[in-house]
Amino acid sequence: MKIAFVGKGGSGKTTLSSLFIRHLAAEGAPVVAVDADINQHLGAALGLDETVAAVLPAMGEHLRLIKDYLRGANPRIASADTMIKTTPPGEGSRLLRVQEDNPVYDACARPVELDGGAVRLMVTGPFTDADLGVACYHSKTGAVELCLNHLVDGPGEYVVVDMTAGSDSFASGMFTRFDMTFLVAEPTRKGVSVYRQYKEYARDFGVALKVVGNKVQGPDDLDFLRAEVGDDLLVTVGHSDWVRAMEKGHPPRFAALEESNRLALRTLREAADATYERRDWERYTRQMVQFHLKNAQSWGNERTGADLAAQVDPGFVLGESVTAGA
């Protein structure tokens, strides 16, 4: 299952995504965790020392390798130079699986040991001083989108992405790449403003969206969220001594997490798992192509000097039965 955590800056989305990843690992599920936020904090939230987290290999720095590998023997893609973040797979493309070894994982993923098992962690890489005035952060997340376009995951497998804050993910089609999007919202007007944006933008794309109320301290907070988001409110999370200890760098065993918060994480997994039966690979592929054609026309063709619409394989539908190309 492909799962996104979104929300405004400071809402607690990175903390909640890390707790969810720990929950999955504790139950023995295979997990690929991706930090796609401009502020790279997921590694530290998963327990890595900040100096270790700071030198994790950036996906953006391995974009050429990613493109070369995913292109495979696809005859519609002349070279890696003509691939952009929305390039869809076709006959001959190589696909990514959650439980496999491949050159992309070798270059970009690092194992993180958690209670109950290890997860693979991948990061886009931070926005650096060298990027100021010359780069858009969305070019960094392009590597994530390209990998998601070529990813085939099955039941009981999880790709958890900590997304960039606010509604920035709508600058590309990446917001349609997930089976479930959890929007973390505080019980404040600013806290639910991103929810309204997501709800409006995602309405026409069949995006499964549920709200996780964070920092909820009492009935008034709960009533506020219910009034603002209605049935989209899935669960709420309150104060956690375990999280406070984790943020100080000394988390106890994950089994010591408060019972109410463990139940909340279980609810998140159940909601994500329930989307599996509603998967529509044809719609998923159609949306992938839709955003690719849009990007090709607006900037891709000019930048690459190629007709990127020709990269679309009209007979190809991504799915679990598709075999990766040579």
C-alpha atoms as a PDB file:
ATOM      1  CA  MET A   1       0.000   0.000   0.000  1.00  0.00           C
ATOM      2  CA  LYS A   2       1.247   3.493  -0.855  1.00  0.00           C
ATOM      3  CA  ILE A   3       0.505   5.929   1.965  1.00  0.00           C
ATOM      4  CA  ALA A   4       1.160   9.671   2.239  1.00  0.00           C
ATOM      5  CA  PHE A   5       1.264  11.822   5.352  1.00  0.00           C
ATOM      6  CA  VAL A   6       0.514  15.481   4.650  1.00  0.00           C
ATOM      7  CA  GLY A   7      -0.295  18.588   6.669  1.00  0.00           C
ATOM      8  CA  LYS A   8       0.848  22.089   7.371  1.00  0.00           C
ATOM      9  CA  GLY A   9       4.291  22.697   8.818  1.00  0.00           C
ATOM     10  CA  GLY A  10       4.352  21.922  12.520  1.00  0.00           C
ATOM     11  CA  SER A  11       1.215  19.785  12.435  1.00  0.00           C
ATOM     12  CA  GLY A  12       3.128  16.696  13.527  1.00  0.00           C
ATOM     13  CA  LYS A  13       2.957  14.791  10.232  1.00  0.00           C
ATOM     14  CA  THR A  14       6.582  13.642  10.432  1.00  0.00           C
ATOM     15  CA  THR A  15       6.112  12.424  13.998  1.00  0.00           C
ATOM     16  CA  LEU A  16       2.932  10.544  13.083  1.00  0.00           C
ATOM     17  CA  SER A  17       4.410   9.066   9.924  1.00  0.00           C
ATOM     18  CA  SER A  18       7.399   7.823  11.952  1.00  0.00           C
ATOM     19  CA  LEU A  19       5.074   6.288  14.544  1.00  0.00           C
ATOM     20  CA  PHE A  20       3.114   4.571  11.787  1.00  0.00           C
ATOM     21  CA  ILE A  21       6.333   3.223  10.262  1.00  0.00           C
ATOM     22  CA  ARG A  22       7.411   1.918  13.680  1.00  0.00           C
ATOM     23  CA  HIS A  23       3.991   0.310  14.119  1.00  0.00           C
ATOM     24  CA  LEU A  24       4.264  -1.501  10.784  1.00  0.00           C
ATOM     25  CA  ALA A  25       7.807  -2.652  11.514  1.00  0.00           C
ATOM     26  CA  ALA A  26       6.767  -3.934  14.948  1.00  0.00           C
ATOM     27  CA  GLU A  27       4.134  -6.086  13.250  1.00  0.00           C
ATOM     28  CA  GLY A  28       6.683  -7.486  10.796  1.00  0.00           C
ATOM     29  CA  ALA A  29       5.447  -5.707   7.679  1.00  0.00           C
ATOM     30  CA  PRO A  30       7.906  -4.831   4.881  1.00  0.00           C
ATOM     31  CA  VAL A  31       8.239  -1.040   4.647  1.00  0.00           C
ATOM     32  CA  VAL A  32       9.931   1.473   2.375  1.00  0.00           C
ATOM     33  CA  ALA A  33       9.919   4.873   4.092  1.00  0.00           C
ATOM     34  CA  VAL A  34      10.478   8.026   2.027  1.00  0.00           C
ATOM     35  CA  ASP A  35      11.240  11.516   3.327  1.00  0.00           C
ATOM     36  CA  ALA A  36       9.924  13.853   0.611  1.00  0.00           C
ATOM     37  CA  ASP A  37       9.691  16.925   2.836  1.00  0.00           C
ATOM     38  CA  ILE A  38      11.824  20.014   2.255  1.00  0.00           C
ATOM     39  CA  ASN A  39      12.810  19.757   5.932  1.00  0.00           C
ATOM     40  CA  GLN A  40      14.417  16.344   6.272  1.00  0.00           C
ATOM     41  CA  HIS A  41      13.387  15.097   9.718  1.00  0.00           C
ATOM     42  CA  LEU A  42      12.055  11.574   9.145  1.00  0.00           C
ATOM     43  CA  GLY A  43      15.417   9.885   9.702  1.00  0.00           C
ATOM     44  CA  ALA A  44      15.834  11.541  13.093  1.00  0.00           C
ATOM     45  CA  ALA A  45      12.217  10.712  13.993  1.00  0.00           C
ATOM     46  CA  LEU A  46      13.036   7.070  13.263  1.00  0.00           C
ATOM     47  CA  GLY A  47      15.907   7.225  15.727  1.00  0.00           C
ATOM     48  CA  LEU A  48      18.900   8.012  13.539  1.00  0.00           C
ATOM     49  CA  ASP A  49      21.568  10.272  14.973  1.00  0.00           C
ATOM     50  CA  GLU A  50      21.298  13.670  13.274  1.00  0.00           C
ATOM     51  CA  THR A  51      24.814  13.384  11.859  1.00  0.00           C
ATOM     52  CA  VAL A  52      23.919  10.023  10.320  1.00  0.00           C
ATOM     53  CA  ALA A  53      20.610  11.322   8.977  1.00  0.00           C
ATOM     54  CA  ALA A  54      22.379  14.303   7.419  1.00  0.00           C
ATOM     55  CA  VAL A  55      24.550  12.111   5.189  1.00  0.00           C
ATOM     56  CA  LEU A  56      21.871   9.738   3.909  1.00  0.00           C
ATOM     57  CA  PRO A  57      22.179   9.405   0.109  1.00  0.00           C
ATOM     58  CA  ALA A  58      19.859  11.856  -1.647  1.00  0.00           C
ATOM     59  CA  MET A  59      17.610  10.438  -4.348  1.00  0.00           C
ATOM     60  CA  GLY A  60      17.999  13.662  -6.325  1.00  0.00           C
ATOM     61  CA  GLU A  61      21.733  13.089  -6.553  1.00  0.00           C
ATOM     62  CA  HIS A  62      21.146   9.659  -8.111  1.00  0.00           C
ATOM     63  CA  LEU A  63      18.505  10.732 -10.592  1.00  0.00           C
ATOM     64  CA  ARG A  64      20.559   9.617 -13.605  1.00  0.00           C
ATOM     65  CA  LEU A  65      20.977   6.119 -12.160  1.00  0.00           C
ATOM     66  CA  ILE A  66      17.260   5.957 -11.331  1.00  0.00           C
ATOM     67  CA  LYS A  67      16.301   6.963 -14.867  1.00  0.00           C
ATOM     68  CA  ASP A  68      18.752   4.555 -16.522  1.00  0.00           C
ATOM     69  CA  TYR A  69      17.488   1.653 -14.432  1.00  0.00           C
ATOM     70  CA  LEU A  70      13.767   2.352 -14.812  1.00  0.00           C
ATOM     71  CA  ARG A  71      14.030   3.000 -18.555  1.00  0.00           C
ATOM     72  CA  GLY A  72      15.212  -0.560 -19.062  1.00  0.00           C
ATOM     73  CA  ALA A  73      14.559  -1.654 -22.631  1.00  0.00           C
ATOM     74  CA  ASN A  74      11.510   0.546 -23.194  1.00  0.00           C
ATOM     75  CA  PRO A  75      11.768   1.446 -26.916  1.00  0.00           C
ATOM     76  CA  ARG A  76       9.591   4.550 -26.450  1.00  0.00           C
ATOM     77  CA  ILE A  77      12.215   6.238 -24.281  1.00  0.00           C
ATOM     78  CA  ALA A  78      15.248   7.128 -26.376  1.00  0.00           C
ATOM     79  CA  SER A  79      17.510   7.961 -23.435  1.00  0.00           C
ATOM     80  CA  ALA A  80      17.494   8.873 -19.776  1.00  0.00           C
ATOM     81  CA  ASP A  81      17.926  12.503 -20.847  1.00  0.00           C
ATOM     82  CA  THR A  82      14.356  12.509 -22.172  1.00  0.00           C
ATOM     83  CA  MET A  83      12.831  11.162 -18.969  1.00  0.00           C
ATOM     84  CA  ILE A  84      11.081  13.626 -16.671  1.00  0.00           C
ATOM     85  CA  LYS A  85       9.488  13.139 -13.252  1.00  0.00           C
ATOM     86  CA  THR A  86       6.145  12.060 -14.761  1.00  0.00           C
ATOM     87  CA  THR A  87       7.472   9.638 -17.407  1.00  0.00           C
ATOM     88  CA  PRO A  88       5.235   6.564 -17.188  1.00  0.00           C
ATOM     89  CA  PRO A  89       6.410   2.965 -17.533  1.00  0.00           C
ATOM     90  CA  GLY A  90       5.671   0.922 -20.617  1.00  0.00           C
ATOM     91  CA  GLU A  91       6.602  -2.372 -22.222  1.00  0.00           C
ATOM     92  CA  GLY A  92      10.269  -2.991 -21.443  1.00  0.00           C
ATOM     93  CA  SER A  93      10.476  -0.638 -18.466  1.00  0.00           C
ATOM     94  CA  ARG A  94      11.923  -1.904 -15.210  1.00  0.00           C
ATOM     95  CA  LEU A  95       9.581  -1.785 -12.230  1.00  0.00           C
ATOM     96  CA  LEU A  96      10.294  -1.499  -8.521  1.00  0.00           C
ATOM     97  CA  ARG A  97       9.017  -3.906  -5.883  1.00  0.00           C
ATOM     98  CA  VAL A  98       8.952  -3.324  -2.157  1.00  0.00           C
ATOM     99  CA  GLN A  99      10.684  -6.612  -1.328  1.00  0.00           C
ATOM    100  CA  GLU A 100      13.605  -6.874  -3.695  1.00  0.00           C
ATOM    101  CA  ASP A 101      17.181  -5.774  -4.146  1.00  0.00           C
ATOM    102  CA  ASN A 102      17.907  -3.467  -7.065  1.00  0.00           C
ATOM    103  CA  PRO A 103      20.393  -0.722  -8.023  1.00  0.00           C
ATOM    104  CA  VAL A 104      17.965   2.041  -6.989  1.00  0.00           C
ATOM    105  CA  TYR A 105      17.705   0.721  -3.433  1.00  0.00           C
ATOM    106  CA  ASP A 106      21.445   0.006  -3.362  1.00  0.00           C
ATOM    107  CA  ALA A 107      22.196   3.644  -4.189  1.00  0.00           C
ATOM    108  CA  CYS A 108      19.394   5.458  -2.372  1.00  0.00           C
ATOM    109  CA  ALA A 109      18.013   3.325   0.466  1.00  0.00           C
ATOM    110  CA  ARG A 110      19.530   2.602   3.849  1.00  0.00           C
ATOM    111  CA  PRO A 111      18.232   0.155   6.474  1.00  0.00           C
ATOM    112  CA  VAL A 112      16.966   1.586   9.756  1.00  0.00           C
ATOM    113  CA  GLU A 113      16.674  -0.854  12.641  1.00  0.00           C
ATOM    114  CA  LEU A 114      13.453  -0.473  14.634  1.00  0.00           C
ATOM    115  CA  ASP A 115      11.726  -2.543  17.293  1.00  0.00           C
ATOM    116  CA  GLY A 116      10.577  -5.662  15.518  1.00  0.00           C
ATOM    117  CA  GLY A 117      12.562  -5.256  12.315  1.00  0.00           C
ATOM    118  CA  ALA A 118      14.218  -2.959   9.807  1.00  0.00           C
ATOM    119  CA  VAL A 119      12.755  -0.614   7.216  1.00  0.00           C
ATOM    120  CA  ARG A 120      14.308   0.884   4.112  1.00  0.00           C
ATOM    121  CA  LEU A 121      14.639   4.669   4.309  1.00  0.00           C
ATOM    122  CA  MET A 122      15.018   6.895   1.255  1.00  0.00           C
ATOM    123  CA  VAL A 123      15.303  10.697   1.261  1.00  0.00           C
ATOM    124  CA  THR A 124      14.973  13.313  -1.443  1.00  0.00           C
ATOM    125  CA  GLY A 125      17.809  15.316   0.042  1.00  0.00           C
ATOM    126  CA  PRO A 126      17.631  18.765   1.631  1.00  0.00           C
ATOM    127  CA  PHE A 127      17.318  22.081  -0.170  1.00  0.00           C
ATOM    128  CA  THR A 128      20.864  23.441  -0.021  1.00  0.00           C
ATOM    129  CA  ASP A 129      22.551  26.821  -0.382  1.00  0.00           C
ATOM    130  CA  ALA A 130      23.640  25.751  -3.869  1.00  0.00           C
ATOM    131  CA  ASP A 131      19.969  25.489  -4.880  1.00  0.00           C
ATOM    132  CA  LEU A 132      19.105  29.070  -3.914  1.00  0.00           C
ATOM    133  CA  GLY A 133      18.049  31.094  -6.932  1.00  0.00           C
ATOM    134  CA  VAL A 134      18.620  28.270  -9.407  1.00  0.00           C
ATOM    135  CA  ALA A 135      16.452  25.317  -8.396  1.00  0.00           C
ATOM    136  CA  CYS A 136      12.898  24.536  -7.430  1.00  0.00           C
ATOM    137  CA  TYR A 137      12.394  22.090  -4.584  1.00  0.00           C
ATOM    138  CA  HIS A 138       9.915  20.153  -6.716  1.00  0.00           C
ATOM    139  CA  SER A 139      12.861  19.087  -8.888  1.00  0.00           C
ATOM    140  CA  LYS A 140      14.152  17.263  -5.799  1.00  0.00           C
ATOM    141  CA  THR A 141      10.903  15.365  -5.291  1.00  0.00           C
ATOM    142  CA  GLY A 142      10.826  14.410  -8.970  1.00  0.00           C
ATOM    143  CA  ALA A 143      12.915  11.338  -8.172  1.00  0.00           C
ATOM    144  CA  VAL A 144      10.243  10.206  -5.700  1.00  0.00           C
ATOM    145  CA  GLU A 145       7.456  10.683  -8.237  1.00  0.00           C
ATOM    146  CA  LEU A 146       9.368   8.773 -10.910  1.00  0.00           C
ATOM    147  CA  CYS A 147       9.901   5.851  -8.541  1.00  0.00           C
ATOM    148  CA  LEU A 148       6.241   5.829  -7.491  1.00  0.00           C
ATOM    149  CA  ASN A 149       5.238   5.721 -11.163  1.00  0.00           C
ATOM    150  CA  HIS A 150       7.281   2.539 -11.571  1.00  0.00           C
ATOM    151  CA  LEU A 151       6.399   0.928  -8.228  1.00  0.00           C
ATOM    152  CA  VAL A 152       4.286  -2.200  -7.933  1.00  0.00           C
ATOM    153  CA  ASP A 153       3.299  -3.068  -4.376  1.00  0.00           C
ATOM    154  CA  GLY A 154       1.037  -5.772  -3.090  1.00  0.00           C
ATOM    155  CA  PRO A 155      -1.110  -6.425  -0.008  1.00  0.00           C
ATOM    156  CA  GLY A 156       0.779  -6.273   3.255  1.00  0.00           C
ATOM    157  CA  GLU A 157       3.577  -4.194   1.699  1.00  0.00           C
ATOM    158  CA  TYR A 158       3.908  -0.527   2.569  1.00  0.00           C
ATOM    159  CA  VAL A 159       5.493   2.565   1.076  1.00  0.00           C
ATOM    160  CA  VAL A 160       5.081   5.444   3.529  1.00  0.00           C
ATOM    161  CA  VAL A 161       5.918   8.945   2.277  1.00  0.00           C
ATOM    162  CA  ASP A 162       6.335  11.965   4.533  1.00  0.00           C
ATOM    163  CA  MET A 163       5.288  14.665   2.064  1.00  0.00           C
ATOM    164  CA  THR A 164       6.346  18.289   1.809  1.00  0.00           C
ATOM    165  CA  ALA A 165       4.331  20.623   4.022  1.00  0.00           C
ATOM    166  CA  GLY A 166       1.157  22.397   2.962  1.00  0.00           C
ATOM    167  CA  SER A 167      -0.358  21.906  -0.474  1.00  0.00           C
ATOM    168  CA  ASP A 168       2.955  22.000  -2.392  1.00  0.00           C
ATOM    169  CA  SER A 169       2.507  18.419  -3.580  1.00  0.00           C
ATOM    170  CA  PHE A 170      -0.214  19.652  -5.929  1.00  0.00           C
ATOM    171  CA  ALA A 171       2.519  21.258  -8.038  1.00  0.00           C
ATOM    172  CA  SER A 172       2.844  17.796  -9.617  1.00  0.00           C
ATOM    173  CA  GLY A 173       0.685  14.722  -9.961  1.00  0.00           C
ATOM    174  CA  MET A 174       2.303  13.018  -6.985  1.00  0.00           C
ATOM    175  CA  PHE A 175      -0.782  13.532  -4.818  1.00  0.00           C
ATOM    176  CA  THR A 176      -2.585  10.912  -6.963  1.00  0.00           C
ATOM    177  CA  ARG A 177       0.089   8.241  -6.420  1.00  0.00           C
ATOM    178  CA  PHE A 178      -1.235   6.962  -3.088  1.00  0.00           C
ATOM    179  CA  ASP A 179      -3.816   4.430  -1.950  1.00  0.00           C
ATOM    180  CA  MET A 180      -4.414   6.489   1.179  1.00  0.00           C
ATOM    181  CA  THR A 181      -3.522  10.034   2.213  1.00  0.00           C
ATOM    182  CA  PHE A 182      -3.534  10.843   5.912  1.00  0.00           C
ATOM    183  CA  LEU A 183      -3.845  14.559   6.545  1.00  0.00           C
ATOM    184  CA  VAL A 184      -2.580  15.543   9.971  1.00  0.00           C
ATOM    185  CA  ALA A 185      -4.516  18.518  11.340  1.00  0.00           C
ATOM    186  CA  GLU A 186      -4.383  20.402  14.604  1.00  0.00           C
ATOM    187  CA  PRO A 187      -7.696  21.622  16.070  1.00  0.00           C
ATOM    188  CA  THR A 188      -7.209  25.205  14.846  1.00  0.00           C
ATOM    189  CA  ARG A 189      -8.392  27.219  11.858  1.00  0.00           C
ATOM    190  CA  LYS A 190      -4.913  27.094  10.349  1.00  0.00           C
ATOM    191  CA  GLY A 191      -4.750  23.410  11.121  1.00  0.00           C
ATOM    192  CA  VAL A 192      -7.748  22.576   8.944  1.00  0.00           C
ATOM    193  CA  SER A 193      -6.964  25.054   6.139  1.00  0.00           C
ATOM    194  CA  VAL A 194      -4.668  22.567   4.377  1.00  0.00           C
ATOM    195  CA  TYR A 195      -7.428  19.966   4.649  1.00  0.00           C
ATOM    196  CA  ARG A 196      -9.801  22.239   2.744  1.00  0.00           C
ATOM    197  CA  GLN A 197      -7.198  22.757   0.012  1.00  0.00           C
ATOM    198  CA  TYR A 198      -6.525  19.038  -0.289  1.00  0.00           C
ATOM    199  CA  LYS A 199     -10.212  18.203  -0.324  1.00  0.00           C
ATOM    200  CA  GLU A 200     -10.875  20.697  -3.099  1.00  0.00           C
ATOM    201  CA  TYR A 201      -7.887  19.808  -5.291  1.00  0.00           C
ATOM    202  CA  ALA A 202      -8.256  16.051  -4.858  1.00  0.00           C
ATOM    203  CA  ARG A 203     -12.011  15.898  -5.411  1.00  0.00           C
ATOM    204  CA  ASP A 204     -11.819  15.067  -9.130  1.00  0.00           C
ATOM    205  CA  PHE A 205      -9.057  12.467  -8.826  1.00  0.00           C
ATOM    206  CA  GLY A 206     -10.524   9.856  -6.507  1.00  0.00           C
ATOM    207  CA  VAL A 207      -7.935  10.515  -3.791  1.00  0.00           C
ATOM    208  CA  ALA A 208      -8.700   8.629  -0.574  1.00  0.00           C
ATOM    209  CA  LEU A 209      -8.279  11.207   2.184  1.00  0.00           C
ATOM    210  CA  LYS A 210      -8.652  10.814   5.937  1.00  0.00           C
ATOM    211  CA  VAL A 211      -7.868  13.316   8.680  1.00  0.00           C
ATOM    212  CA  VAL A 212      -5.797  12.491  11.744  1.00  0.00           C
ATOM    213  CA  GLY A 213      -6.455  15.004  14.493  1.00  0.00           C
ATOM    214  CA  ASN A 214      -3.236  15.746  16.364  1.00  0.00           C
ATOM    215  CA  LYS A 215      -2.581  17.572  19.643  1.00  0.00           C
ATOM    216  CA  VAL A 216      -6.210  17.046  20.673  1.00  0.00           C
ATOM    217  CA  GLN A 217      -6.529  17.928  24.350  1.00  0.00           C
ATOM    218  CA  GLY A 218     -10.214  17.621  25.130  1.00  0.00           C
ATOM    219  CA  PRO A 219     -13.847  17.495  23.977  1.00  0.00           C
ATOM    220  CA  ASP A 220     -13.768  21.057  22.607  1.00  0.00           C
ATOM    221  CA  ASP A 221     -10.881  20.181  20.281  1.00  0.00           C
ATOM    222  CA  LEU A 222     -12.658  17.032  19.147  1.00  0.00           C
ATOM    223  CA  ASP A 223     -15.926  18.889  18.515  1.00  0.00           C
ATOM    224  CA  PHE A 224     -14.061  21.522  16.482  1.00  0.00           C
ATOM    225  CA  LEU A 225     -12.460  18.934  14.201  1.00  0.00           C
ATOM    226  CA  ARG A 226     -15.720  17.049  13.749  1.00  0.00           C
ATOM    227  CA  ALA A 227     -17.472  20.259  12.769  1.00  0.00           C
ATOM    228  CA  GLU A 228     -14.730  21.239  10.307  1.00  0.00           C
ATOM    229  CA  VAL A 229     -13.920  17.944   8.575  1.00  0.00           C
ATOM    230  CA  GLY A 230     -16.989  15.777   9.213  1.00  0.00           C
ATOM    231  CA  ASP A 231     -16.747  12.103   8.331  1.00  0.00           C
ATOM    232  CA  ASP A 232     -13.199  12.537   7.033  1.00  0.00           C
ATOM    233  CA  LEU A 233     -11.986  12.585  10.646  1.00  0.00           C
ATOM    234  CA  LEU A 234     -10.622   9.083  11.179  1.00  0.00           C
ATOM    235  CA  VAL A 235      -8.905   9.244  14.549  1.00  0.00           C
ATOM    236  CA  THR A 236      -7.339  11.675  17.008  1.00  0.00           C
ATOM    237  CA  VAL A 237      -4.042  11.641  18.881  1.00  0.00           C
ATOM    238  CA  GLY A 238      -3.265  13.473  22.097  1.00  0.00           C
ATOM    239  CA  HIS A 239      -0.250  14.066  24.306  1.00  0.00           C
ATOM    240  CA  SER A 240       2.357  11.305  24.363  1.00  0.00           C
ATOM    241  CA  ASP A 241       5.116  10.917  26.927  1.00  0.00           C
ATOM    242  CA  TRP A 242       6.661   8.345  24.582  1.00  0.00           C
ATOM    243  CA  VAL A 243       6.866  10.908  21.781  1.00  0.00           C
ATOM    244  CA  ARG A 244       8.319  13.493  24.153  1.00  0.00           C
ATOM    245  CA  ALA A 245      11.065  11.013  25.121  1.00  0.00           C
ATOM    246  CA  MET A 246      11.671  10.204  21.447  1.00  0.00           C
ATOM    247  CA  GLU A 247      12.047  13.888  20.606  1.00  0.00           C
ATOM    248  CA  LYS A 248      14.693  14.129  23.346  1.00  0.00           C
ATOM    249  CA  GLY A 249      16.573  11.282  21.685  1.00  0.00           C
ATOM    250  CA  HIS A 250      15.781   8.632  24.290  1.00  0.00           C
ATOM    251  CA  PRO A 251      12.705   6.683  23.142  1.00  0.00           C
ATOM    252  CA  PRO A 252      11.712   3.676  25.245  1.00  0.00           C
ATOM    253  CA  ARG A 253      10.768   0.402  23.610  1.00  0.00           C
ATOM    254  CA  PHE A 254       7.938   0.921  21.119  1.00  0.00           C
ATOM    255  CA  ALA A 255       5.762  -1.480  23.102  1.00  0.00           C
ATOM    256  CA  ALA A 256       5.660   1.219  25.785  1.00  0.00           C
ATOM    257  CA  LEU A 257       3.705   3.609  23.549  1.00  0.00           C
ATOM    258  CA  GLU A 258       0.424   4.581  25.174  1.00  0.00           C
ATOM    259  CA  GLU A 259      -2.444   2.166  24.514  1.00  0.00           C
ATOM    260  CA  SER A 260      -4.666   4.908  23.060  1.00  0.00           C
ATOM    261  CA  ASN A 261      -1.993   5.859  20.542  1.00  0.00           C
ATOM    262  CA  ARG A 262      -1.299   2.242  19.612  1.00  0.00           C
ATOM    263  CA  LEU A 263      -5.016   1.835  18.928  1.00  0.00           C
ATOM    264  CA  ALA A 264      -4.909   4.958  16.764  1.00  0.00           C
ATOM    265  CA  LEU A 265      -2.028   3.531  14.705  1.00  0.00           C
ATOM    266  CA  ARG A 266      -3.920   0.265  14.304  1.00  0.00           C
ATOM    267  CA  THR A 267      -6.890   2.254  12.983  1.00  0.00           C
ATOM    268  CA  LEU A 268      -4.623   3.939  10.428  1.00  0.00           C
ATOM    269  CA  ARG A 269      -3.365   0.601   9.176  1.00  0.00           C
ATOM    270  CA  GLU A 270      -6.865  -0.833   8.936  1.00  0.00           C
ATOM    271  CA  ALA A 271      -7.998   2.197   6.933  1.00  0.00           C
ATOM    272  CA  ALA A 272      -5.027   1.885   4.587  1.00  0.00           C
ATOM    273  CA  ASP A 273      -5.478  -1.868   4.147  1.00  0.00           C
ATOM    274  CA  ALA A 274      -9.163  -1.400   3.332  1.00  0.00           C
ATOM    275  CA  THR A 275      -8.252   0.586   0.216  1.00  0.00           C
ATOM    276  CA  TYR A 276      -6.619  -2.465  -1.363  1.00  0.00           C
ATOM    277  CA  GLU A 277      -9.910  -3.925  -2.505  1.00  0.00           C
ATOM    278  CA  ARG A 278     -10.747  -0.632  -4.218  1.00  0.00           C
ATOM    279  CA  ARG A 279      -7.532  -0.419  -6.213  1.00  0.00           C
ATOM    280  CA  ASP A 280      -8.045   0.580  -9.829  1.00  0.00           C
ATOM    281  CA  TRP A 281      -4.798   0.151 -11.732  1.00  0.00           C
ATOM    282  CA  GLU A 282      -6.369   1.424 -14.953  1.00  0.00           C
ATOM    283  CA  ARG A 283      -7.334   4.705 -13.300  1.00  0.00           C
ATOM    284  CA  TYR A 284      -3.919   4.893 -11.640  1.00  0.00           C
ATOM    285  CA  THR A 285      -2.197   4.490 -15.019  1.00  0.00           C
ATOM    286  CA  ARG A 286      -4.595   6.905 -16.727  1.00  0.00           C
ATOM    287  CA  GLN A 287      -3.855   9.635 -14.169  1.00  0.00           C
ATOM    288  CA  MET A 288      -0.147   8.989 -14.538  1.00  0.00           C
ATOM    289  CA  VAL A 289      -0.423   9.564 -18.280  1.00  0.00           C
ATOM    290  CA  GLN A 290      -2.674  12.600 -17.786  1.00  0.00           C
ATOM    291  CA  PHE A 291      -0.106  14.433 -15.671  1.00  0.00           C
ATOM    292  CA  HIS A 292       2.730  13.355 -17.934  1.00  0.00           C
ATOM    293  CA  LEU A 293       1.049  14.844 -20.994  1.00  0.00           C
ATOM    294  CA  LYS A 294       0.325  18.024 -19.050  1.00  0.00           C
ATOM    295  CA  ASN A 295       3.953  18.371 -17.966  1.00  0.00           C
ATOM    296  CA  ALA A 296       5.217  17.494 -21.429  1.00  0.00           C
ATOM    297  CA  GLN A 297       3.192  20.257 -23.036  1.00  0.00           C
ATOM    298  CA  SER A 298       3.872  22.923 -20.409  1.00  0.00           C
ATOM    299  CA  TRP A 299       7.654  22.477 -20.073  1.00  0.00           C
ATOM    300  CA  GLY A 300       8.951  18.949 -20.721  1.00  0.00           C
ATOM    301  CA  ASN A 301       9.055  18.978 -24.522  1.00  0.00           C
ATOM    302  CA  GLU A 302      10.910  22.275 -24.596  1.00  0.00           C
ATOM    303  CA  ARG A 303      13.410  21.249 -21.940  1.00  0.00           C
ATOM    304  CA  THR A 304      14.252  17.849 -23.426  1.00  0.00           C
ATOM    305  CA  GLY A 305      13.849  18.681 -27.114  1.00  0.00           C
ATOM    306  CA  ALA A 306      11.682  15.589 -27.549  1.00  0.00           C
ATOM    307  CA  ASP A 307       8.014  14.775 -28.033  1.00  0.00           C
ATOM    308  CA  LEU A 308       7.348  13.274 -24.623  1.00  0.00           C
ATOM    309  CA  ALA A 309       3.811  12.289 -25.542  1.00  0.00           C
ATOM    310  CA  ALA A 310       5.429   9.546 -27.626  1.00  0.00           C
ATOM    311  CA  GLN A 311       6.669   7.945 -24.391  1.00  0.00           C
ATOM    312  CA  VAL A 312       3.131   6.838 -23.536  1.00  0.00           C
ATOM    313  CA  ASP A 313       2.502   3.157 -24.222  1.00  0.00           C
ATOM    314  CA  PRO A 314      -1.252   3.060 -24.964  1.00  0.00           C
ATOM    315  CA  GLY A 315      -1.563  -0.664 -24.283  1.00  0.00           C
ATOM    316  CA  PHE A 316       0.279  -0.661 -20.954  1.00  0.00           C
ATOM    317  CA  VAL A 317      -1.490  -0.811 -17.593  1.00  0.00           C
ATOM    318  CA  LEU A 318       0.596  -0.949 -14.419  1.00  0.00           C
ATOM    319  CA  GLY A 319      -0.421  -3.718 -12.049  1.00  0.00           C
ATOM    320  CA  GLU A 320       0.742  -6.515  -9.803  1.00  0.00           C
ATOM    321  CA  SER A 321       0.751  -9.021 -12.660  1.00  0.00           C
ATOM    322  CA  VAL A 322       3.025  -6.912 -14.855  1.00  0.00           C
ATOM    323  CA  THR A 323       6.524  -8.312 -15.319  1.00  0.00           C
ATOM    324  CA  ALA A 324       9.489  -5.948 -15.191  1.00  0.00           C
ATOM    325  CA  GLY A 325      11.472  -5.470 -18.383  1.00  0.00           C
ATOM    326  CA  ALA A 326      14.997  -6.695 -18.919  1.00  0.00           C
END
